[in-house]
PDB file of all heavy atoms in Angstrom:
ATOM      1  N   ASP A   1     -10.214   8.309  -3.042  1.00  0.00           N
ATOM      2  CA  ASP A   1      -9.440   8.871  -4.148  1.00  0.00           C
ATOM      3  C   ASP A   1     -10.373   9.140  -5.322  1.00  0.00           C
ATOM      4  O   ASP A   1     -10.436   8.368  -6.278  1.00  0.00           O
ATOM      5  CB  ASP A   1      -8.303   7.921  -4.529  1.00  0.00           C
ATOM      6  CG  ASP A   1      -7.376   8.513  -5.578  1.00  0.00           C
ATOM      7  OD1 ASP A   1      -7.327   9.752  -5.703  1.00  0.00           O
ATOM      8  OD2 ASP A   1      -6.710   7.722  -6.263  1.00  0.00           O
ATOM      9  N   ALA A   2     -11.113  10.242  -5.234  1.00  0.00           N
ATOM     10  CA  ALA A   2     -12.126  10.566  -6.244  1.00  0.00           C
ATOM     11  C   ALA A   2     -11.534  10.710  -7.642  1.00  0.00           C
ATOM     12  O   ALA A   2     -12.150  10.341  -8.637  1.00  0.00           O
ATOM     13  CB  ALA A   2     -12.850  11.848  -5.853  1.00  0.00           C
ATOM     14  N   SER A   3     -10.325  11.222  -7.720  1.00  0.00           N
ATOM     15  CA  SER A   3      -9.714  11.428  -9.034  1.00  0.00           C
ATOM     16  C   SER A   3      -9.068  10.163  -9.582  1.00  0.00           C
ATOM     17  O   SER A   3      -8.771  10.074 -10.767  1.00  0.00           O
ATOM     18  CB  SER A   3      -8.642  12.524  -8.934  1.00  0.00           C
ATOM     19  OG  SER A   3      -7.550  12.054  -8.159  1.00  0.00           O
ATOM     20  N   GLY A   4      -8.832   9.183  -8.714  1.00  0.00           N
ATOM     21  CA  GLY A   4      -8.141   7.968  -9.146  1.00  0.00           C
ATOM     22  C   GLY A   4      -6.671   8.207  -9.434  1.00  0.00           C
ATOM     23  O   GLY A   4      -6.031   7.414 -10.108  1.00  0.00           O
ATOM     24  N   GLY A   5      -6.137   9.298  -8.889  1.00  0.00           N
ATOM     25  CA  GLY A   5      -4.754   9.673  -9.176  1.00  0.00           C
ATOM     26  C   GLY A   5      -3.702   8.976  -8.341  1.00  0.00           C
ATOM     27  O   GLY A   5      -2.520   9.038  -8.653  1.00  0.00           O
ATOM     28  N   VAL A   6      -4.110   8.325  -7.271  1.00  0.00           N
ATOM     29  CA  VAL A   6      -3.135   7.643  -6.413  1.00  0.00           C
ATOM     30  C   VAL A   6      -3.116   6.166  -6.788  1.00  0.00           C
ATOM     31  O   VAL A   6      -4.135   5.486  -6.682  1.00  0.00           O
ATOM     32  CB  VAL A   6      -3.493   7.810  -4.912  1.00  0.00           C
ATOM     33  CG1 VAL A   6      -2.476   7.093  -4.042  1.00  0.00           C
ATOM     34  CG2 VAL A   6      -3.599   9.282  -4.535  1.00  0.00           C
ATOM     35  N   PRO A   7      -1.973   5.669  -7.253  1.00  0.00           N
ATOM     36  CA  PRO A   7      -1.923   4.260  -7.666  1.00  0.00           C
ATOM     37  C   PRO A   7      -2.168   3.311  -6.487  1.00  0.00           C
ATOM     38  O   PRO A   7      -1.607   3.488  -5.417  1.00  0.00           O
ATOM     39  CB  PRO A   7      -0.509   4.083  -8.225  1.00  0.00           C
ATOM     40  CG  PRO A   7       0.226   5.334  -7.982  1.00  0.00           C
ATOM     41  CD  PRO A   7      -0.707   6.352  -7.417  1.00  0.00           C
ATOM     42  N   VAL A   8      -3.014   2.333  -6.711  1.00  0.00           N
ATOM     43  CA  VAL A   8      -3.323   1.334  -5.684  1.00  0.00           C
ATOM     44  C   VAL A   8      -2.163   0.343  -5.631  1.00  0.00           C
ATOM     45  O   VAL A   8      -1.769  -0.201  -6.664  1.00  0.00           O
ATOM     46  CB  VAL A   8      -4.650   0.613  -6.017  1.00  0.00           C
ATOM     47  CG1 VAL A   8      -4.946  -0.464  -4.986  1.00  0.00           C
ATOM     48  CG2 VAL A   8      -5.790   1.616  -6.108  1.00  0.00           C
ATOM     49  N   PRO A   9      -1.620   0.109  -4.437  1.00  0.00           N
ATOM     50  CA  PRO A   9      -0.473  -0.800  -4.355  1.00  0.00           C
ATOM     51  C   PRO A   9      -0.867  -2.255  -4.581  1.00  0.00           C
ATOM     52  O   PRO A   9      -1.997  -2.658  -4.309  1.00  0.00           O
ATOM     53  CB  PRO A   9       0.026  -0.603  -2.919  1.00  0.00           C
ATOM     54  CG  PRO A   9      -1.183  -0.177  -2.161  1.00  0.00           C
ATOM     55  CD  PRO A   9      -2.009   0.623  -3.133  1.00  0.00           C
ATOM     56  N   THR A  10       0.076  -3.005  -5.093  1.00  0.00           N
ATOM     57  CA  THR A  10      -0.082  -4.449  -5.191  1.00  0.00           C
ATOM     58  C   THR A  10       0.535  -5.034  -3.937  1.00  0.00           C
ATOM     59  O   THR A  10       1.715  -4.821  -3.667  1.00  0.00           O
ATOM     60  CB  THR A  10       0.644  -4.991  -6.441  1.00  0.00           C
ATOM     61  OG1 THR A  10       0.096  -4.350  -7.585  1.00  0.00           O
ATOM     62  CG2 THR A  10       0.485  -6.489  -6.553  1.00  0.00           C
ATOM     63  N   LEU A  11      -0.281  -5.732  -3.169  1.00  0.00           N
ATOM     64  CA  LEU A  11       0.188  -6.283  -1.899  1.00  0.00           C
ATOM     65  C   LEU A  11       0.583  -7.738  -2.078  1.00  0.00           C
ATOM     66  O   LEU A  11      -0.061  -8.489  -2.795  1.00  0.00           O
ATOM     67  CB  LEU A  11      -0.910  -6.151  -0.840  1.00  0.00           C
ATOM     68  CG  LEU A  11      -1.431  -4.738  -0.609  1.00  0.00           C
ATOM     69  CD1 LEU A  11      -2.566  -4.761   0.408  1.00  0.00           C
ATOM     70  CD2 LEU A  11      -0.332  -3.795  -0.164  1.00  0.00           C
ATOM     71  N   SER A  12       1.642  -8.114  -1.401  1.00  0.00           N
ATOM     72  CA  SER A  12       2.139  -9.482  -1.470  1.00  0.00           C
ATOM     73  C   SER A  12       1.357 -10.372  -0.509  1.00  0.00           C
ATOM     74  O   SER A  12       0.911  -9.934   0.541  1.00  0.00           O
ATOM     75  CB  SER A  12       3.625  -9.507  -1.091  1.00  0.00           C
ATOM     76  OG  SER A  12       4.070 -10.837  -1.000  1.00  0.00           O
ATOM     77  N   HIS A  13       1.185 -11.608  -0.878  1.00  0.00           N
ATOM     78  CA  HIS A  13       0.573 -12.595   0.013  1.00  0.00           C
ATOM     79  C   HIS A  13       1.602 -13.626   0.471  1.00  0.00           C
ATOM     80  O   HIS A  13       1.248 -14.671   0.992  1.00  0.00           O
ATOM     81  CB  HIS A  13      -0.610 -13.285  -0.679  1.00  0.00           C
ATOM     82  CG  HIS A  13      -1.748 -12.355  -0.872  1.00  0.00           C
ATOM     83  ND1 HIS A  13      -1.907 -11.593  -2.000  1.00  0.00           N
ATOM     84  CD2 HIS A  13      -2.776 -12.032  -0.064  1.00  0.00           C
ATOM     85  CE1 HIS A  13      -2.987 -10.854  -1.877  1.00  0.00           C
ATOM     86  NE2 HIS A  13      -3.532 -11.102  -0.722  1.00  0.00           N
ATOM     87  N   GLU A  14       2.873 -13.306   0.257  1.00  0.00           N
ATOM     88  CA  GLU A  14       3.942 -14.188   0.710  1.00  0.00           C
ATOM     89  C   GLU A  14       4.042 -14.087   2.230  1.00  0.00           C
ATOM     90  O   GLU A  14       3.965 -12.996   2.783  1.00  0.00           O
ATOM     91  CB  GLU A  14       5.276 -13.785   0.079  1.00  0.00           C
ATOM     92  CG  GLU A  14       5.340 -14.013  -1.408  1.00  0.00           C
ATOM     93  CD  GLU A  14       5.233 -15.485  -1.776  1.00  0.00           C
ATOM     94  OE1 GLU A  14       5.822 -16.330  -1.091  1.00  0.00           O
ATOM     95  OE2 GLU A  14       4.541 -15.786  -2.754  1.00  0.00           O
ATOM     96  N   PRO A  15       4.219 -15.207   2.911  1.00  0.00           N
ATOM     97  CA  PRO A  15       4.208 -15.181   4.377  1.00  0.00           C
ATOM     98  C   PRO A  15       5.526 -14.742   5.023  1.00  0.00           C
ATOM     99  O   PRO A  15       5.637 -14.772   6.238  1.00  0.00           O
ATOM    100  CB  PRO A  15       3.888 -16.630   4.726  1.00  0.00           C
ATOM    101  CG  PRO A  15       4.447 -17.421   3.594  1.00  0.00           C
ATOM    102  CD  PRO A  15       4.278 -16.541   2.374  1.00  0.00           C
ATOM    103  N   THR A  16       6.503 -14.337   4.223  1.00  0.00           N
ATOM    104  CA  THR A  16       7.773 -13.959   4.830  1.00  0.00           C
ATOM    105  C   THR A  16       7.650 -12.620   5.543  1.00  0.00           C
ATOM    106  O   THR A  16       6.852 -11.760   5.169  1.00  0.00           O
ATOM    107  CB  THR A  16       8.895 -13.858   3.780  1.00  0.00           C
ATOM    108  OG1 THR A  16       8.616 -12.752   2.918  1.00  0.00           O
ATOM    109  CG2 THR A  16       9.032 -15.144   2.975  1.00  0.00           C
ATOM    110  N   LYS A  17       8.433 -12.440   6.564  1.00  0.00           N
ATOM    111  CA  LYS A  17       8.409 -11.201   7.345  1.00  0.00           C
ATOM    112  C   LYS A  17       8.665  -9.994   6.441  1.00  0.00           C
ATOM    113  O   LYS A  17       7.976  -8.980   6.545  1.00  0.00           O
ATOM    114  CB  LYS A  17       9.456 -11.270   8.457  1.00  0.00           C
ATOM    115  CG  LYS A  17       9.501 -10.040   9.324  1.00  0.00           C
ATOM    116  CD  LYS A  17      10.534 -10.183  10.425  1.00  0.00           C
ATOM    117  CE  LYS A  17      10.603  -8.943  11.283  1.00  0.00           C
ATOM    118  NZ  LYS A  17      11.581  -9.095  12.374  1.00  0.00           N
ATOM    119  N   THR A  18       9.618 -10.109   5.541  1.00  0.00           N
ATOM    120  CA  THR A  18       9.956  -9.009   4.639  1.00  0.00           C
ATOM    121  C   THR A  18       8.764  -8.616   3.772  1.00  0.00           C
ATOM    122  O   THR A  18       8.449  -7.433   3.623  1.00  0.00           O
ATOM    123  CB  THR A  18      11.152  -9.396   3.747  1.00  0.00           C
ATOM    124  OG1 THR A  18      12.263  -9.722   4.590  1.00  0.00           O
ATOM    125  CG2 THR A  18      11.533  -8.279   2.812  1.00  0.00           C
ATOM    126  N   GLU A  19       8.072  -9.601   3.211  1.00  0.00           N
ATOM    127  CA  GLU A  19       6.926  -9.327   2.341  1.00  0.00           C
ATOM    128  C   GLU A  19       5.736  -8.778   3.125  1.00  0.00           C
ATOM    129  O   GLU A  19       5.035  -7.888   2.657  1.00  0.00           O
ATOM    130  CB  GLU A  19       6.520 -10.587   1.571  1.00  0.00           C
ATOM    131  CG  GLU A  19       7.549 -11.018   0.549  1.00  0.00           C
ATOM    132  CD  GLU A  19       7.760  -9.994  -0.564  1.00  0.00           C
ATOM    133  OE1 GLU A  19       6.796  -9.342  -0.971  1.00  0.00           O
ATOM    134  OE2 GLU A  19       8.901  -9.864  -1.017  1.00  0.00           O
ATOM    135  N   VAL A  20       5.506  -9.306   4.312  1.00  0.00           N
ATOM    136  CA  VAL A  20       4.403  -8.814   5.145  1.00  0.00           C
ATOM    137  C   VAL A  20       4.652  -7.356   5.516  1.00  0.00           C
ATOM    138  O   VAL A  20       3.759  -6.508   5.398  1.00  0.00           O
ATOM    139  CB  VAL A  20       4.231  -9.689   6.409  1.00  0.00           C
ATOM    140  CG1 VAL A  20       3.289  -9.035   7.409  1.00  0.00           C
ATOM    141  CG2 VAL A  20       3.741 -11.080   6.038  1.00  0.00           C
ATOM    142  N   LEU A  21       5.861  -7.042   5.935  1.00  0.00           N
ATOM    143  CA  LEU A  21       6.181  -5.658   6.294  1.00  0.00           C
ATOM    144  C   LEU A  21       6.106  -4.732   5.086  1.00  0.00           C
ATOM    145  O   LEU A  21       5.642  -3.592   5.198  1.00  0.00           O
ATOM    146  CB  LEU A  21       7.566  -5.582   6.945  1.00  0.00           C
ATOM    147  CG  LEU A  21       7.663  -6.223   8.323  1.00  0.00           C
ATOM    148  CD1 LEU A  21       9.099  -6.205   8.828  1.00  0.00           C
ATOM    149  CD2 LEU A  21       6.723  -5.564   9.319  1.00  0.00           C
ATOM    150  N   ALA A  22       6.504  -5.222   3.921  1.00  0.00           N
ATOM    151  CA  ALA A  22       6.414  -4.418   2.698  1.00  0.00           C
ATOM    152  C   ALA A  22       4.954  -4.131   2.352  1.00  0.00           C
ATOM    153  O   ALA A  22       4.611  -3.014   1.937  1.00  0.00           O
ATOM    154  CB  ALA A  22       7.109  -5.137   1.541  1.00  0.00           C
ATOM    155  N   SER A  23       4.079  -5.110   2.548  1.00  0.00           N
ATOM    156  CA  SER A  23       2.651  -4.903   2.280  1.00  0.00           C
ATOM    157  C   SER A  23       2.058  -3.883   3.241  1.00  0.00           C
ATOM    158  O   SER A  23       1.294  -3.001   2.837  1.00  0.00           O
ATOM    159  CB  SER A  23       1.886  -6.226   2.390  1.00  0.00           C
ATOM    160  OG  SER A  23       2.198  -7.050   1.300  1.00  0.00           O
ATOM    161  N   LEU A  24       2.405  -3.988   4.509  1.00  0.00           N
ATOM    162  CA  LEU A  24       1.910  -3.009   5.484  1.00  0.00           C
ATOM    163  C   LEU A  24       2.392  -1.603   5.145  1.00  0.00           C
ATOM    164  O   LEU A  24       1.625  -0.645   5.170  1.00  0.00           O
ATOM    165  CB  LEU A  24       2.378  -3.378   6.893  1.00  0.00           C
ATOM    166  CG  LEU A  24       1.587  -4.428   7.632  1.00  0.00           C
ATOM    167  CD1 LEU A  24       2.267  -4.776   8.954  1.00  0.00           C
ATOM    168  CD2 LEU A  24       0.164  -3.967   7.879  1.00  0.00           C
ATOM    169  N   GLU A  25       3.661  -1.489   4.819  1.00  0.00           N
ATOM    170  CA  GLU A  25       4.225  -0.180   4.478  1.00  0.00           C
ATOM    171  C   GLU A  25       3.542   0.392   3.233  1.00  0.00           C
ATOM    172  O   GLU A  25       3.170   1.570   3.200  1.00  0.00           O
ATOM    173  CB  GLU A  25       5.729  -0.292   4.255  1.00  0.00           C
ATOM    174  CG  GLU A  25       6.382   1.045   4.026  1.00  0.00           C
ATOM    175  CD  GLU A  25       7.899   0.963   3.942  1.00  0.00           C
ATOM    176  OE1 GLU A  25       8.467  -0.113   4.205  1.00  0.00           O
ATOM    177  OE2 GLU A  25       8.510   1.983   3.599  1.00  0.00           O
ATOM    178  N   ALA A  26       3.335  -0.434   2.226  1.00  0.00           N
ATOM    179  CA  ALA A  26       2.680   0.031   0.996  1.00  0.00           C
ATOM    180  C   ALA A  26       1.247   0.476   1.272  1.00  0.00           C
ATOM    181  O   ALA A  26       0.784   1.493   0.748  1.00  0.00           O
ATOM    182  CB  ALA A  26       2.700  -1.078  -0.060  1.00  0.00           C
ATOM    183  N   ALA A  27       0.533  -0.267   2.114  1.00  0.00           N
ATOM    184  CA  ALA A  27      -0.859   0.076   2.441  1.00  0.00           C
ATOM    185  C   ALA A  27      -0.934   1.408   3.170  1.00  0.00           C
ATOM    186  O   ALA A  27      -1.775   2.258   2.855  1.00  0.00           O
ATOM    187  CB  ALA A  27      -1.483  -1.026   3.285  1.00  0.00           C
ATOM    188  N   TYR A  28      -0.062   1.618   4.135  1.00  0.00           N
ATOM    189  CA  TYR A  28      -0.105   2.866   4.888  1.00  0.00           C
ATOM    190  C   TYR A  28       0.449   4.039   4.079  1.00  0.00           C
ATOM    191  O   TYR A  28      -0.033   5.167   4.213  1.00  0.00           O
ATOM    192  CB  TYR A  28       0.564   2.700   6.251  1.00  0.00           C
ATOM    193  CG  TYR A  28      -0.380   2.011   7.214  1.00  0.00           C
ATOM    194  CD1 TYR A  28      -0.323   0.635   7.412  1.00  0.00           C
ATOM    195  CD2 TYR A  28      -1.377   2.725   7.864  1.00  0.00           C
ATOM    196  CE1 TYR A  28      -1.219  -0.001   8.255  1.00  0.00           C
ATOM    197  CE2 TYR A  28      -2.269   2.102   8.709  1.00  0.00           C
ATOM    198  CZ  TYR A  28      -2.191   0.738   8.905  1.00  0.00           C
ATOM    199  OH  TYR A  28      -3.083   0.111   9.727  1.00  0.00           O
ATOM    200  N   ASP A  29       1.410   3.800   3.218  1.00  0.00           N
ATOM    201  CA  ASP A  29       1.872   4.857   2.306  1.00  0.00           C
ATOM    202  C   ASP A  29       0.748   5.264   1.359  1.00  0.00           C
ATOM    203  O   ASP A  29       0.560   6.439   1.060  1.00  0.00           O
ATOM    204  CB  ASP A  29       3.095   4.398   1.496  1.00  0.00           C
ATOM    205  CG  ASP A  29       4.365   4.361   2.332  1.00  0.00           C
ATOM    206  OD1 ASP A  29       4.368   4.871   3.474  1.00  0.00           O
ATOM    207  OD2 ASP A  29       5.358   3.778   1.838  1.00  0.00           O
ATOM    208  N   TYR A  30      -0.018   4.275   0.899  1.00  0.00           N
ATOM    209  CA  TYR A  30      -1.170   4.548   0.032  1.00  0.00           C
ATOM    210  C   TYR A  30      -2.183   5.407   0.789  1.00  0.00           C
ATOM    211  O   TYR A  30      -2.684   6.402   0.263  1.00  0.00           O
ATOM    212  CB  TYR A  30      -1.812   3.231  -0.409  1.00  0.00           C
ATOM    213  CG  TYR A  30      -3.114   3.416  -1.157  1.00  0.00           C
ATOM    214  CD1 TYR A  30      -3.122   3.868  -2.471  1.00  0.00           C
ATOM    215  CD2 TYR A  30      -4.329   3.152  -0.547  1.00  0.00           C
ATOM    216  CE1 TYR A  30      -4.321   4.052  -3.151  1.00  0.00           C
ATOM    217  CE2 TYR A  30      -5.524   3.326  -1.222  1.00  0.00           C
ATOM    218  CZ  TYR A  30      -5.514   3.776  -2.522  1.00  0.00           C
ATOM    219  OH  TYR A  30      -6.692   3.962  -3.199  1.00  0.00           O
ATOM    220  N   GLY A  31      -2.490   5.031   2.014  1.00  0.00           N
ATOM    221  CA  GLY A  31      -3.433   5.808   2.814  1.00  0.00           C
ATOM    222  C   GLY A  31      -2.984   7.243   3.002  1.00  0.00           C
ATOM    223  O   GLY A  31      -3.780   8.174   2.883  1.00  0.00           O
ATOM    224  N   THR A  32      -1.708   7.431   3.270  1.00  0.00           N
ATOM    225  CA  THR A  32      -1.169   8.782   3.429  1.00  0.00           C
ATOM    226  C   THR A  32      -1.338   9.583   2.148  1.00  0.00           C
ATOM    227  O   THR A  32      -1.780  10.737   2.171  1.00  0.00           O
ATOM    228  CB  THR A  32       0.325   8.717   3.819  1.00  0.00           C
ATOM    229  OG1 THR A  32       0.435   8.034   5.072  1.00  0.00           O
ATOM    230  CG2 THR A  32       0.933  10.103   3.944  1.00  0.00           C
ATOM    231  N   ALA A  33      -1.011   8.977   1.017  1.00  0.00           N
ATOM    232  CA  ALA A  33      -1.132   9.665  -0.272  1.00  0.00           C
ATOM    233  C   ALA A  33      -2.586  10.018  -0.590  1.00  0.00           C
ATOM    234  O   ALA A  33      -2.886  11.113  -1.072  1.00  0.00           O
ATOM    235  CB  ALA A  33      -0.535   8.811  -1.391  1.00  0.00           C
ATOM    236  N   VAL A  34      -3.506   9.100  -0.296  1.00  0.00           N
ATOM    237  CA  VAL A  34      -4.925   9.350  -0.556  1.00  0.00           C
ATOM    238  C   VAL A  34      -5.426  10.495   0.325  1.00  0.00           C
ATOM    239  O   VAL A  34      -6.133  11.392  -0.146  1.00  0.00           O
ATOM    240  CB  VAL A  34      -5.760   8.070  -0.329  1.00  0.00           C
ATOM    241  CG1 VAL A  34      -7.246   8.376  -0.250  1.00  0.00           C
ATOM    242  CG2 VAL A  34      -5.490   7.065  -1.436  1.00  0.00           C
ATOM    243  N   LEU A  35      -5.048  10.492   1.592  1.00  0.00           N
ATOM    244  CA  LEU A  35      -5.486  11.556   2.500  1.00  0.00           C
ATOM    245  C   LEU A  35      -4.917  12.907   2.093  1.00  0.00           C
ATOM    246  O   LEU A  35      -5.610  13.927   2.147  1.00  0.00           O
ATOM    247  CB  LEU A  35      -5.113  11.219   3.939  1.00  0.00           C
ATOM    248  CG  LEU A  35      -5.860  10.043   4.547  1.00  0.00           C
ATOM    249  CD1 LEU A  35      -5.313   9.715   5.920  1.00  0.00           C
ATOM    250  CD2 LEU A  35      -7.346  10.306   4.601  1.00  0.00           C
ATOM    251  N   GLU A  36      -3.658  12.919   1.678  1.00  0.00           N
ATOM    252  CA  GLU A  36      -3.060  14.175   1.220  1.00  0.00           C
ATOM    253  C   GLU A  36      -3.761  14.678  -0.034  1.00  0.00           C
ATOM    254  O   GLU A  36      -4.001  15.877  -0.183  1.00  0.00           O
ATOM    255  CB  GLU A  36      -1.562  13.997   0.975  1.00  0.00           C
ATOM    256  CG  GLU A  36      -0.768  13.880   2.264  1.00  0.00           C
ATOM    257  CD  GLU A  36       0.693  13.542   2.035  1.00  0.00           C
ATOM    258  OE1 GLU A  36       1.089  13.216   0.892  1.00  0.00           O
ATOM    259  OE2 GLU A  36       1.453  13.591   3.018  1.00  0.00           O
TER     260      GLU A  36
END
């Protein structure tokens, strides 16, 4: 992200299934946005 225009997600370190899945989703959404 050369322009720094894509906000970096804050990932949770909570061990719950909901939080882990939210972190994965945020990471891959970030990757998609950066690639676009």
